[in-house]
Amino acid sequence: MKIYLASPLGFSEAGQEFYYETLIPEVTARGHTVLDPWKLTEESKIDAVRSMPYGEDRQEAWRQLNPEIGHNNRLALDQCEAVLAVLDGVDVDSGTSSEIGYAYARGKKILGYRGDFRLSADNDGSKVNLQVEYFIRQSGGDIFNSLTDLWSALANLQPSAPAAASETAKPLRYSSPPGKRTPGEQRAAFIIVTLMLALIVRAALESAFSLTLKLHHEVDLLNWVLWLQLVLFFTMMVRFYLGATRYVDTEPKNIGLIVKAVNCIFAFILFCVFYTIALSITTTDYYFGLFVLHCVDILWFLIVMVYTYWSPPQLESGDIRADAARKIMLTFLGLSAITIIFSLILYVMYLGFCISEYSAEIVFMSGLIAISIFDFVYLGKYYFDHKEWIKDNAVP
């Protein structure tokens, strides 16, 4: 189950240690997925405001950020199946109390934990504030005073309807998230990408074996350099195909018009470059094409990254977190930059007669294959277990 953790533990170092070293590991160990409100908003945004000197600018920055924090937490509460609330303190934390009330109104089951032995109730008949306790118990949950009892309850936790919730307490249900592409639109994008790549593959094969296919002459099938060029070409094609199809899945719902235009323009340019490389696979222009390909790639991601920092999209539930998306883009940028620098070094060595043209080509192709293998290993989950990667990095 998806469990939202409501607590004030993130406000102190001692609380954070219990929260991240004990509470979250114990919840996840029992098969549940944690929705952590302390991680839903980008830490860089919060740190930037905290580092500002006291004054009107800092106050205004908080006024701008506070609604985003509250909005992200509300989305997580909408999506969770249960809430685990820490009730410690002289009185239950005000933010935790409001989350408990909202969760009850949304039909979520609520478990409370109070390890604090101080009295914090309105009268002898309750453990905490009577209204807070009412919401917890009416949701089908309970309040536990020991971690042992809490762990046992979490192990046996099952979703249940609230005992006395009104019609407004029903969970939100969406036929599809607002602004999200429909499955049909996603399939159309995959089909278009696949058809484009199929044309490129056909061009590469015809170029490599044109004498056999068109003139019925013999070709040197033992030319291992040609085969290495083909292996490298298809390796690059697989990287491009996986990257393109995964990117379709991870674009934000509210992506800006500028980013859409940049994506379309550079996708077309990359297609043209790939097609040119395919046609020149048996010539030395092949290597120049690979160099241009990585230059286009690095320029594309630089533009998109700069724009997302300048005008970050408003993320919604199901969108990929900005830090996770930027990590992928930085990886692509880094690998393209390494490829460009590597090729330039080999070219300078060739011009300085330190290495022959043939040796430079072999070293370049071998290096690029090694970089591609590293890419597949480092981003293995992103490429080959994409649904799990989305689950781990999506906004709740």
Protein backbone atom coordinates (compact mmCIF):
# COMPACT_ATOMS: atom_id res chain seq x y z
CA MET A 1 0.00 0.00 0.00
CA LYS A 2 0.99 3.62 -0.47
CA ILE A 3 1.31 5.16 2.99
CA TYR A 4 1.60 8.89 3.60
CA LEU A 5 3.73 9.72 6.66
CA ALA A 6 2.30 12.68 8.57
CA SER A 7 4.60 13.98 11.28
CA PRO A 8 6.65 16.92 12.58
CA LEU A 9 9.79 14.74 12.69
CA GLY A 10 11.50 16.57 9.84
CA PHE A 11 11.85 19.75 11.88
CA SER A 12 14.64 18.44 14.15
CA GLU A 13 17.82 16.41 13.74
CA ALA A 14 16.70 13.91 16.38
CA GLY A 15 13.33 13.56 14.68
CA GLN A 16 14.95 13.09 11.26
CA GLU A 17 17.18 10.31 12.58
CA PHE A 18 14.18 8.33 13.88
CA TYR A 19 12.18 9.17 10.75
CA TYR A 20 14.76 8.05 8.18
CA GLU A 21 16.68 5.42 10.14
CA THR A 22 13.78 3.65 11.85
CA LEU A 23 10.29 4.62 10.73
CA ILE A 24 10.66 4.62 6.94
CA PRO A 25 12.81 1.44 6.79
CA GLU A 26 10.32 -0.42 9.00
CA VAL A 27 7.36 0.67 6.87
CA THR A 28 9.03 -0.31 3.60
CA ALA A 29 10.25 -3.60 5.10
CA ARG A 30 6.61 -4.58 5.46
CA GLY A 31 5.98 -4.15 1.75
CA HIS A 32 4.54 -0.64 1.74
CA THR A 33 5.50 2.36 -0.40
CA VAL A 34 6.23 5.53 1.58
CA LEU A 35 4.97 8.92 0.43
CA ASP A 36 7.34 11.27 2.25
CA PRO A 37 6.02 14.87 2.45
CA TRP A 38 9.49 16.07 3.42
CA LYS A 39 10.78 15.01 -0.03
CA LEU A 40 7.87 16.00 -2.28
CA THR A 41 9.13 19.54 -2.94
CA GLU A 42 12.58 20.07 -4.42
CA GLU A 43 15.07 20.53 -1.60
CA SER A 44 17.01 23.05 -3.70
CA LYS A 45 14.01 25.38 -3.66
CA ILE A 46 13.61 25.16 0.11
CA ASP A 47 17.36 25.53 0.72
CA ALA A 48 17.46 28.59 -1.52
CA VAL A 49 14.82 30.36 0.58
CA ARG A 50 16.37 29.26 3.88
CA SER A 51 19.72 30.70 2.84
CA MET A 52 18.24 34.14 2.20
CA PRO A 53 18.77 36.82 4.87
CA TYR A 54 15.79 37.73 7.02
CA GLY A 55 13.65 40.43 5.49
CA GLU A 56 10.85 41.13 3.06
CA ASP A 57 12.49 39.25 0.18
CA ARG A 58 12.71 36.09 2.26
CA GLN A 59 9.11 36.48 3.43
CA GLU A 60 7.92 36.91 -0.14
CA ALA A 61 9.94 33.88 -1.26
CA TRP A 62 8.24 31.77 1.42
CA ARG A 63 4.84 33.15 0.38
CA GLN A 64 5.56 31.99 -3.15
CA LEU A 65 6.85 28.54 -2.13
CA ASN A 66 4.39 27.63 0.66
CA PRO A 67 1.42 26.96 -1.69
CA GLU A 68 3.60 24.64 -3.78
CA ILE A 69 4.60 22.65 -0.67
CA GLY A 70 0.97 22.42 0.47
CA HIS A 71 -0.17 21.45 -3.05
CA ASN A 72 2.40 18.65 -3.33
CA ASN A 73 1.39 17.26 0.06
CA ARG A 74 -2.29 17.37 -0.84
CA LEU A 75 -1.63 15.45 -4.08
CA ALA A 76 0.19 12.75 -2.10
CA LEU A 77 -2.68 12.51 0.38
CA ASP A 78 -5.09 12.11 -2.53
CA GLN A 79 -3.03 9.25 -3.95
CA CYS A 80 -2.16 7.37 -0.77
CA GLU A 81 -4.16 4.40 0.51
CA ALA A 82 -3.42 4.98 4.20
CA VAL A 83 -1.82 7.52 6.53
CA LEU A 84 0.61 6.87 9.36
CA ALA A 85 0.58 9.86 11.71
CA VAL A 86 3.11 10.53 14.45
CA LEU A 87 1.21 12.11 17.36
CA ASP A 88 4.09 12.93 19.73
CA GLY A 89 4.32 16.31 21.42
CA VAL A 90 2.56 18.27 24.13
CA ASP A 91 -0.23 18.53 21.58
CA VAL A 92 -0.54 16.88 18.17
CA ASP A 93 1.34 18.94 15.59
CA SER A 94 -1.01 21.33 13.77
CA GLY A 95 0.15 20.27 10.31
CA THR A 96 -0.22 16.59 11.21
CA SER A 97 -3.71 17.27 12.59
CA SER A 98 -4.80 18.97 9.37
CA GLU A 99 -3.45 16.08 7.30
CA ILE A 100 -5.37 13.63 9.48
CA GLY A 101 -8.60 15.60 8.97
CA TYR A 102 -8.07 15.82 5.20
CA ALA A 103 -7.18 12.12 4.95
CA TYR A 104 -10.36 11.15 6.81
CA ALA A 105 -12.45 13.33 4.49
CA ARG A 106 -10.84 11.52 1.53
CA GLY A 107 -11.68 8.09 2.93
CA LYS A 108 -8.15 7.06 3.90
CA LYS A 109 -7.38 4.65 6.70
CA ILE A 110 -5.30 6.34 9.41
CA LEU A 111 -2.90 4.78 11.91
CA GLY A 112 -1.58 6.90 14.79
CA TYR A 113 1.61 6.38 16.75
CA ARG A 114 2.24 8.12 20.07
CA GLY A 115 5.34 7.01 21.92
CA ASP A 116 5.28 10.18 24.03
CA PHE A 117 4.07 9.27 27.55
CA ARG A 118 3.00 12.84 28.44
CA LEU A 119 -0.71 13.53 28.77
CA SER A 120 -2.14 15.21 25.66
CA ALA A 121 -5.89 14.77 25.70
CA ASP A 122 -9.02 16.81 26.31
CA ASN A 123 -10.15 14.41 29.05
CA ASP A 124 -9.46 11.01 30.60
CA GLY A 125 -11.30 9.20 27.85
CA SER A 126 -8.93 9.98 24.97
CA LYS A 127 -5.22 9.66 24.21
CA VAL A 128 -4.88 12.85 22.18
CA ASN A 129 -7.17 15.64 21.02
CA LEU A 130 -10.63 14.07 20.85
CA GLN A 131 -11.33 15.31 17.31
CA VAL A 132 -8.01 13.90 16.01
CA GLU A 133 -8.71 10.60 17.75
CA TYR A 134 -12.23 10.53 16.34
CA PHE A 135 -10.96 10.85 12.75
CA ILE A 136 -8.36 8.12 13.29
CA ARG A 137 -10.74 5.60 14.81
CA GLN A 138 -13.64 6.35 12.45
CA SER A 139 -11.30 5.79 9.48
CA GLY A 140 -10.88 2.21 10.66
CA GLY A 141 -7.50 2.84 12.25
CA ASP A 142 -6.15 2.96 15.77
CA ILE A 143 -3.58 4.71 17.97
CA PHE A 144 -0.54 2.67 19.07
CA ASN A 145 1.73 3.48 21.99
CA SER A 146 4.51 1.00 21.20
CA LEU A 147 6.55 0.43 18.06
CA THR A 148 6.04 -3.33 18.34
CA ASP A 149 2.25 -2.91 18.09
CA LEU A 150 2.67 -0.42 15.24
CA TRP A 151 4.91 -2.76 13.22
CA SER A 152 2.40 -5.57 13.69
CA ALA A 153 -0.46 -3.34 12.52
CA LEU A 154 1.54 -2.24 9.46
CA ALA A 155 2.30 -5.86 8.58
CA ASN A 156 -1.42 -6.66 8.57
CA LEU A 157 -2.62 -3.38 7.12
CA GLN A 158 -5.35 -3.65 4.52
CA PRO A 159 -7.33 -0.84 2.87
CA SER A 160 -10.78 -0.38 4.31
CA ALA A 161 -13.67 1.99 3.85
CA PRO A 162 -14.22 4.56 6.63
CA ALA A 163 -16.76 3.53 9.23
CA ALA A 164 -18.77 6.75 9.25
CA ALA A 165 -17.52 8.94 6.45
CA SER A 166 -19.84 11.13 4.42
CA GLU A 167 -20.16 11.14 0.66
CA THR A 168 -17.48 13.82 0.47
CA ALA A 169 -15.05 11.39 2.09
CA LYS A 170 -14.75 9.21 -1.02
CA PRO A 171 -11.27 9.08 -2.54
CA LEU A 172 -10.67 11.03 -5.70
CA ARG A 173 -10.78 8.88 -8.81
CA TYR A 174 -9.49 10.02 -12.17
CA SER A 175 -10.20 8.28 -15.45
CA SER A 176 -6.84 9.69 -16.52
CA PRO A 177 -4.70 12.41 -14.93
CA PRO A 178 -5.47 15.89 -16.29
CA GLY A 179 -3.15 16.80 -19.15
CA LYS A 180 -1.67 13.30 -19.39
CA ARG A 181 -1.29 11.73 -22.81
CA THR A 182 -3.76 8.95 -23.49
CA PRO A 183 -2.42 5.45 -24.23
CA GLY A 184 -3.43 5.99 -27.86
CA GLU A 185 -1.31 9.12 -28.12
CA GLN A 186 1.66 7.32 -26.56
CA ARG A 187 1.33 4.41 -28.99
CA ALA A 188 1.17 6.84 -31.89
CA ALA A 189 4.43 8.45 -30.76
CA PHE A 190 6.10 5.04 -30.45
CA ILE A 191 4.89 4.02 -33.91
CA ILE A 192 6.23 7.23 -35.47
CA VAL A 193 9.64 6.79 -33.81
CA THR A 194 9.76 3.11 -34.84
CA LEU A 195 8.91 3.87 -38.47
CA MET A 196 11.56 6.61 -38.63
CA LEU A 197 14.20 4.28 -37.23
CA ALA A 198 13.12 1.50 -39.59
CA LEU A 199 13.82 3.82 -42.53
CA ILE A 200 17.25 4.59 -41.12
CA VAL A 201 18.06 0.89 -40.61
CA ARG A 202 17.03 0.13 -44.18
CA ALA A 203 19.28 2.91 -45.47
CA ALA A 204 22.21 1.60 -43.40
CA LEU A 205 21.85 -1.95 -44.68
CA GLU A 206 21.50 -0.84 -48.28
CA SER A 207 24.54 1.37 -47.94
CA ALA A 208 26.65 -1.37 -46.34
CA PHE A 209 25.69 -4.08 -48.81
CA SER A 210 24.71 -2.04 -51.88
CA LEU A 211 26.95 -4.03 -54.22
CA THR A 212 25.23 -7.26 -53.28
CA LEU A 213 21.70 -5.87 -53.14
CA LYS A 214 21.80 -3.76 -56.29
CA LEU A 215 24.56 -5.03 -58.56
CA HIS A 216 24.68 -8.68 -57.50
CA HIS A 217 28.45 -8.43 -57.06
CA GLU A 218 30.39 -10.06 -54.29
CA VAL A 219 31.32 -8.02 -51.26
CA ASP A 220 33.99 -8.70 -48.70
CA LEU A 221 31.89 -10.13 -45.89
CA LEU A 222 35.12 -10.74 -43.96
CA ASN A 223 35.78 -7.01 -43.73
CA TRP A 224 35.57 -6.85 -39.95
CA VAL A 225 35.82 -3.03 -39.93
CA LEU A 226 32.53 -2.87 -41.84
CA TRP A 227 30.92 -5.19 -39.33
CA LEU A 228 32.29 -3.11 -36.45
CA GLN A 229 30.79 -0.01 -38.06
CA LEU A 230 27.45 -1.77 -38.33
CA VAL A 231 27.60 -2.95 -34.71
CA LEU A 232 28.36 0.58 -33.55
CA PHE A 233 25.62 2.03 -35.73
CA PHE A 234 22.96 -0.35 -34.41
CA THR A 235 24.17 0.18 -30.85
CA MET A 236 23.64 3.91 -31.31
CA MET A 237 20.24 3.22 -32.84
CA VAL A 238 19.18 1.16 -29.81
CA ARG A 239 20.31 3.95 -27.47
CA PHE A 240 18.40 6.51 -29.52
CA TYR A 241 15.25 4.36 -29.71
CA LEU A 242 15.21 3.58 -25.99
CA GLY A 243 15.97 7.19 -25.09
CA ALA A 244 13.26 8.54 -27.41
CA THR A 245 10.53 6.15 -26.28
CA ARG A 246 11.39 6.57 -22.60
CA TYR A 247 11.39 10.33 -23.01
CA VAL A 248 7.81 10.19 -24.32
CA ASP A 249 6.81 8.46 -21.07
CA THR A 250 8.55 10.96 -18.80
CA GLU A 251 7.62 14.35 -20.26
CA PRO A 252 5.66 16.51 -17.77
CA LYS A 253 1.96 16.93 -18.44
CA ASN A 254 2.25 20.71 -18.49
CA ILE A 255 5.34 20.92 -20.68
CA GLY A 256 5.78 24.38 -22.19
CA LEU A 257 5.27 25.24 -25.85
CA ILE A 258 8.92 26.26 -26.23
CA VAL A 259 10.15 22.89 -24.99
CA LYS A 260 7.72 21.09 -27.33
CA ALA A 261 9.01 23.13 -30.28
CA VAL A 262 12.66 22.50 -29.33
CA ASN A 263 11.97 18.76 -28.99
CA CYS A 264 10.31 18.57 -32.42
CA ILE A 265 13.08 20.56 -34.14
CA PHE A 266 15.95 18.60 -32.63
CA ALA A 267 14.19 15.24 -33.09
CA PHE A 268 13.91 16.05 -36.81
CA ILE A 269 17.57 17.15 -36.96
CA LEU A 270 18.69 13.95 -35.23
CA PHE A 271 16.64 11.89 -37.68
CA CYS A 272 18.34 13.64 -40.60
CA VAL A 273 21.80 13.14 -39.09
CA PHE A 274 21.09 9.46 -38.42
CA TYR A 275 19.87 9.01 -41.98
CA THR A 276 23.01 10.68 -43.33
CA ILE A 277 25.19 8.43 -41.17
CA ALA A 278 23.31 5.40 -42.51
CA LEU A 279 23.98 6.44 -46.11
CA SER A 280 27.69 7.01 -45.44
CA ILE A 281 28.34 3.92 -43.35
CA THR A 282 31.05 2.66 -45.74
CA THR A 283 32.87 6.02 -46.04
CA THR A 284 34.96 8.19 -43.72
CA ASP A 285 32.02 10.65 -43.57
CA TYR A 286 30.48 8.08 -41.20
CA TYR A 287 32.77 9.21 -38.37
CA PHE A 288 32.12 12.88 -38.97
CA GLY A 289 28.39 12.10 -38.86
CA LEU A 290 28.75 10.46 -35.44
CA PHE A 291 30.60 13.55 -34.21
CA VAL A 292 27.83 15.84 -35.48
CA LEU A 293 25.21 13.54 -33.93
CA HIS A 294 26.66 14.03 -30.46
CA CYS A 295 27.04 17.78 -31.00
CA VAL A 296 23.33 18.02 -31.84
CA ASP A 297 22.48 15.82 -28.87
CA ILE A 298 24.44 17.89 -26.36
CA LEU A 299 23.03 21.16 -27.72
CA TRP A 300 19.49 19.80 -27.43
CA PHE A 301 19.81 18.81 -23.78
CA LEU A 302 21.64 22.02 -22.87
CA ILE A 303 18.79 24.12 -24.24
CA VAL A 304 16.11 22.03 -22.49
CA MET A 305 17.97 22.01 -19.16
CA VAL A 306 18.58 25.76 -19.19
CA TYR A 307 14.93 26.37 -20.00
CA THR A 308 13.65 24.06 -17.25
CA TYR A 309 15.77 25.95 -14.71
CA TRP A 310 14.60 29.29 -16.08
CA SER A 311 10.93 28.29 -16.34
CA PRO A 312 10.32 25.04 -14.42
CA PRO A 313 7.04 23.27 -15.29
CA GLN A 314 4.35 22.93 -12.62
CA LEU A 315 4.61 19.22 -11.81
CA GLU A 316 1.50 17.20 -11.10
CA SER A 317 0.89 13.76 -9.67
CA GLY A 318 2.50 11.16 -11.93
CA ASP A 319 5.09 13.53 -13.40
CA ILE A 320 8.75 12.67 -12.99
CA ARG A 321 10.48 14.67 -10.25
CA ALA A 322 12.69 17.44 -11.57
CA ASP A 323 15.83 16.10 -9.87
CA ALA A 324 15.36 12.64 -11.45
CA ALA A 325 14.76 14.11 -14.93
CA ARG A 326 17.81 16.35 -14.63
CA LYS A 327 19.95 13.42 -13.55
CA ILE A 328 19.05 11.62 -16.78
CA MET A 329 19.74 14.72 -18.87
CA LEU A 330 23.06 15.31 -17.12
CA THR A 331 24.06 11.72 -17.86
CA PHE A 332 23.22 12.17 -21.55
CA LEU A 333 25.10 15.47 -21.57
CA GLY A 334 28.14 13.95 -19.90
CA LEU A 335 28.35 10.95 -22.24
CA SER A 336 27.95 13.15 -25.33
CA ALA A 337 30.62 15.55 -24.04
CA ILE A 338 33.03 12.64 -23.41
CA THR A 339 32.40 11.35 -26.93
CA ILE A 340 33.05 14.76 -28.49
CA ILE A 341 36.25 15.33 -26.50
CA PHE A 342 37.44 11.78 -27.27
CA SER A 343 36.89 12.24 -31.01
CA LEU A 344 38.66 15.62 -31.02
CA ILE A 345 41.68 14.15 -29.23
CA LEU A 346 41.92 11.35 -31.81
CA TYR A 347 41.58 13.85 -34.66
CA VAL A 348 44.37 16.04 -33.26
CA MET A 349 46.57 12.95 -32.85
CA TYR A 350 45.83 12.01 -36.46
CA LEU A 351 46.75 15.49 -37.69
CA GLY A 352 49.97 15.34 -35.68
CA PHE A 353 50.87 11.99 -37.28
CA CYS A 354 50.76 10.32 -33.87
CA ILE A 355 48.21 7.78 -35.10
CA SER A 356 47.08 6.55 -38.51
CA GLU A 357 43.63 7.23 -39.87
CA TYR A 358 42.78 3.54 -39.72
CA SER A 359 43.90 3.24 -36.09
CA ALA A 360 42.01 6.40 -35.14
CA GLU A 361 38.81 4.97 -36.63
CA ILE A 362 39.19 1.66 -34.79
CA VAL A 363 39.95 3.36 -31.47
CA PHE A 364 37.03 5.77 -31.92
CA MET A 365 34.53 3.00 -32.64
CA SER A 366 35.81 0.84 -29.79
CA GLY A 367 35.60 3.78 -27.38
CA LEU A 368 32.08 4.66 -28.46
CA ILE A 369 30.93 1.08 -28.00
CA ALA A 370 32.45 1.12 -24.50
CA ILE A 371 30.62 4.39 -23.71
CA SER A 372 27.38 2.85 -24.97
CA ILE A 373 27.81 -0.21 -22.76
CA PHE A 374 28.42 2.09 -19.78
CA ASP A 375 25.25 4.00 -20.68
CA PHE A 376 23.19 0.78 -20.74
CA VAL A 377 24.60 -0.35 -17.39
CA TYR A 378 24.42 3.01 -15.59
CA LEU A 379 20.88 3.76 -16.78
CA GLY A 380 19.79 0.13 -16.88
CA LYS A 381 16.65 0.65 -14.84
CA TYR A 382 15.67 3.70 -16.90
CA TYR A 383 16.07 1.78 -20.16
CA PHE A 384 15.02 -1.78 -19.33
CA ASP A 385 12.79 -1.53 -16.23
CA HIS A 386 11.15 1.77 -17.07
CA LYS A 387 7.88 1.22 -15.20
CA GLU A 388 9.75 0.62 -11.95
CA TRP A 389 11.95 3.66 -12.62
CA ILE A 390 8.83 5.80 -13.09
CA LYS A 391 7.31 4.39 -9.89
CA ASP A 392 10.48 5.30 -7.96
CA ASN A 393 10.83 8.81 -9.38
CA ALA A 394 7.27 10.06 -9.99
CA VAL A 395 5.56 12.79 -8.01
CA PRO A 396 2.97 11.03 -5.79
